[in-house]
Structures are given as C-alpha cells and as structure tokens.
Amino acid sequence: MSILVITAVMTILVIVARQTPGGRWGWASEPAVQLYLLALWGGSLKIVLTTLRPAAELAEEELTLRPVHQLRGTTVRWSQISGTEQMTGGDRLIVYFDRGRGLRFVALNLNLIRGRRDFERALESRLRSAGFGEKTIDRSRY
C-alpha cells in the first residue's frame, strides 16, 4: 500500500516539475528535494525486494536473519550465538552473537516471518539442544 502512495506522490511531483514553469525553476528542481525522493524510492525498493526472501532461515550450521531495516542479512553460526531476548507477548526477537570484534546483536520483527510459530519452536528447540535455558525477568524472556 505505501509503495502505491509513494508512487502516486512521486508521479505528481515529476509532472509538476516537468510541466509547469514554476516547477522547473522552483522547489521541485532543488537537488535536496530530488535526493530525498531518490532516497524514498531506494528505501521502498529495498523493502519490496526484502519481502521476496524469507526474513529468517534456520539451517543445520547457521541462522540467517534479514531485518527490513538493514541492507544486508546477517548469518550467524550456531556456535557464535550468546543468547536471545524476546518480550513476553512481544513481536521482536533479539539474537546476541559473538564476532571477532565483540558482542553484536540483530533485532528481528517476528511478524514478518512466515510460519512464525514453527520458527519459534524450531529456534527454541535448537537453542535448548545447545545448552541454553530460559529465564524471565519482568517482561523479557532470555
């Protein structure tokens, strides 16, 4: 839906910029406006292309997470995972992992995962088999 709104607004702006004398020499011809519109298009295109691939994948050796807000996905080996965090009843999963430069994390919106419940069960099963336990503090599950 939002991509259609952005497309309609951008089409109107391009028509105004090309057809009217005020648009050609006014605010629509400013480089900052054009750069902003280009950034909108780039962000929208990234979101559309992201929805074509799964947001998360569990494999035998690694976990791949592709949050919408990042340009690239993150692949983490199971041995690098330090822990996870999820709010009770929440929609965000945070995976903490250790890389050569220190502890890192990736936040993922669980609503974007097709088969969310199956993913959560498989992830929990995999983490339990690796020796992780569950701890609840306030509203957070670790």
Protein backbone atom coordinates (compact mmCIF):
# COMPACT_ATOMS: atom_id res chain seq x y z
CA MET A 1 0.00 0.00 0.00
CA SER A 2 2.68 2.51 0.97
CA ILE A 3 4.60 1.87 -2.25
CA LEU A 4 1.48 2.84 -4.21
CA VAL A 5 1.12 6.09 -2.24
CA ILE A 6 4.79 6.94 -2.77
CA THR A 7 4.47 6.17 -6.49
CA ALA A 8 1.40 8.42 -6.81
CA VAL A 9 3.04 11.31 -4.95
CA MET A 10 6.27 10.97 -6.93
CA THR A 11 4.35 10.87 -10.22
CA ILE A 12 2.53 14.07 -9.33
CA LEU A 13 5.80 15.74 -8.33
CA VAL A 14 7.50 14.72 -11.58
CA ILE A 15 4.57 16.04 -13.62
CA VAL A 16 4.64 19.33 -11.71
CA ALA A 17 8.41 19.58 -12.12
CA ARG A 18 8.29 18.90 -15.87
CA GLN A 19 5.11 20.70 -16.97
CA THR A 20 4.94 23.94 -15.04
CA PRO A 21 7.48 26.74 -15.30
CA GLY A 22 7.37 27.22 -11.51
CA GLY A 23 8.14 23.55 -11.02
CA ARG A 24 11.11 23.59 -13.37
CA TRP A 25 12.72 26.54 -11.60
CA GLY A 26 11.13 26.27 -8.16
CA TRP A 27 11.44 23.91 -5.25
CA ALA A 28 10.97 20.72 -7.34
CA SER A 29 14.23 21.34 -9.17
CA GLU A 30 16.25 21.68 -5.96
CA PRO A 31 18.90 18.94 -5.54
CA ALA A 32 17.87 18.30 -1.93
CA VAL A 33 14.28 17.52 -2.99
CA GLN A 34 15.47 15.22 -5.75
CA LEU A 35 17.88 13.46 -3.38
CA TYR A 36 15.08 13.00 -0.84
CA LEU A 37 12.80 11.50 -3.48
CA LEU A 38 15.58 9.20 -4.63
CA ALA A 39 16.09 8.05 -1.02
CA LEU A 40 12.34 7.34 -0.73
CA TRP A 41 12.44 5.24 -3.88
CA GLY A 42 15.56 3.40 -2.76
CA GLY A 43 14.08 2.60 0.65
CA SER A 44 10.79 1.47 -0.84
CA LEU A 45 12.56 -0.71 -3.38
CA LYS A 46 14.67 -2.29 -0.63
CA ILE A 47 11.56 -3.12 1.39
CA VAL A 48 9.78 -4.63 -1.61
CA LEU A 49 12.82 -6.73 -2.54
CA THR A 50 13.24 -7.84 1.09
CA THR A 51 9.72 -9.27 1.15
CA LEU A 52 10.62 -11.64 -1.68
CA ARG A 53 13.00 -13.60 0.57
CA PRO A 54 12.32 -15.19 3.97
CA ALA A 55 13.04 -12.90 6.94
CA ALA A 56 14.71 -15.77 8.80
CA GLU A 57 16.10 -19.16 7.89
CA LEU A 58 17.23 -21.98 10.15
CA ALA A 59 19.90 -24.28 8.75
CA GLU A 60 21.95 -27.09 10.24
CA GLU A 61 25.06 -24.95 10.70
CA GLU A 62 23.73 -21.38 10.85
CA LEU A 63 20.88 -18.96 11.43
CA THR A 64 20.20 -16.31 8.79
CA LEU A 65 18.26 -13.16 9.76
CA ARG A 66 17.21 -10.46 7.29
CA PRO A 67 15.69 -7.49 9.15
CA VAL A 68 13.89 -4.97 6.95
CA HIS A 69 15.87 -2.03 8.40
CA GLN A 70 19.26 -3.42 7.35
CA LEU A 71 20.68 -3.51 3.85
CA ARG A 72 22.20 -6.97 4.24
CA GLY A 73 21.12 -10.05 6.10
CA THR A 74 23.16 -11.47 8.95
CA THR A 75 24.28 -15.08 9.02
CA VAL A 76 25.32 -16.39 12.41
CA ARG A 77 26.82 -19.80 13.13
CA TRP A 78 25.07 -21.60 15.97
CA SER A 79 28.30 -21.71 17.96
CA GLN A 80 28.53 -17.89 17.90
CA ILE A 81 25.12 -17.28 19.50
CA SER A 82 25.36 -15.95 23.07
CA GLY A 83 21.64 -15.70 23.76
CA THR A 84 18.30 -14.30 22.68
CA GLU A 85 15.78 -11.87 24.11
CA GLN A 86 12.08 -11.54 23.48
CA MET A 87 9.43 -9.54 25.29
CA THR A 88 6.63 -11.69 26.71
CA GLY A 89 3.91 -11.45 24.11
CA GLY A 90 6.16 -9.23 22.04
CA ASP A 91 6.92 -9.20 18.36
CA ARG A 92 10.66 -8.51 18.47
CA LEU A 93 13.39 -11.10 18.75
CA ILE A 94 16.94 -10.02 19.53
CA VAL A 95 19.73 -12.50 18.84
CA TYR A 96 23.06 -11.80 20.55
CA PHE A 97 26.17 -13.32 18.99
CA ASP A 98 29.92 -13.07 19.32
CA ARG A 99 32.10 -11.99 16.42
CA GLY A 100 35.82 -11.30 16.36
CA ARG A 101 35.18 -7.62 17.18
CA GLY A 102 32.99 -8.33 20.18
CA LEU A 103 29.36 -8.96 21.03
CA ARG A 104 26.81 -7.97 18.35
CA PHE A 105 23.05 -8.29 18.04
CA VAL A 106 20.33 -8.40 15.41
CA ALA A 107 16.73 -7.38 16.09
CA LEU A 108 14.03 -9.05 14.01
CA ASN A 109 10.32 -8.33 13.75
CA LEU A 110 8.69 -11.73 14.23
CA ASN A 111 5.53 -10.63 12.40
CA LEU A 112 7.50 -10.73 9.14
CA ILE A 113 8.30 -14.42 9.43
CA ARG A 114 6.03 -16.80 7.56
CA GLY A 115 5.31 -19.71 9.86
CA ARG A 116 6.25 -17.72 12.93
CA ARG A 117 5.18 -20.35 15.48
CA ASP A 118 7.10 -23.10 13.69
CA PHE A 119 10.16 -20.85 13.51
CA GLU A 120 9.95 -20.05 17.23
CA ARG A 121 9.56 -23.73 18.14
CA ALA A 122 12.48 -24.77 15.92
CA LEU A 123 14.69 -21.96 17.27
CA GLU A 124 13.84 -22.80 20.87
CA SER A 125 14.50 -26.49 20.25
CA ARG A 126 17.84 -25.76 18.62
CA LEU A 127 18.92 -23.42 21.45
CA ARG A 128 17.87 -25.90 24.16
CA SER A 129 19.89 -28.65 22.46
CA ALA A 130 22.88 -26.28 22.51
CA GLY A 131 22.55 -25.94 26.29
CA PHE A 132 20.63 -22.66 26.57
CA GLY A 133 17.96 -22.31 29.25
CA GLU A 134 15.07 -19.90 29.62
CA LYS A 135 14.97 -17.09 32.17
CA THR A 136 12.20 -14.49 32.59
CA ILE A 137 12.94 -11.08 34.10
CA ASP A 138 9.98 -8.66 34.23
CA ARG A 139 8.52 -8.88 30.73
CA SER A 140 11.64 -10.17 28.95
CA ARG A 141 12.42 -13.80 28.15
CA TYR A 142 16.12 -14.63 27.89
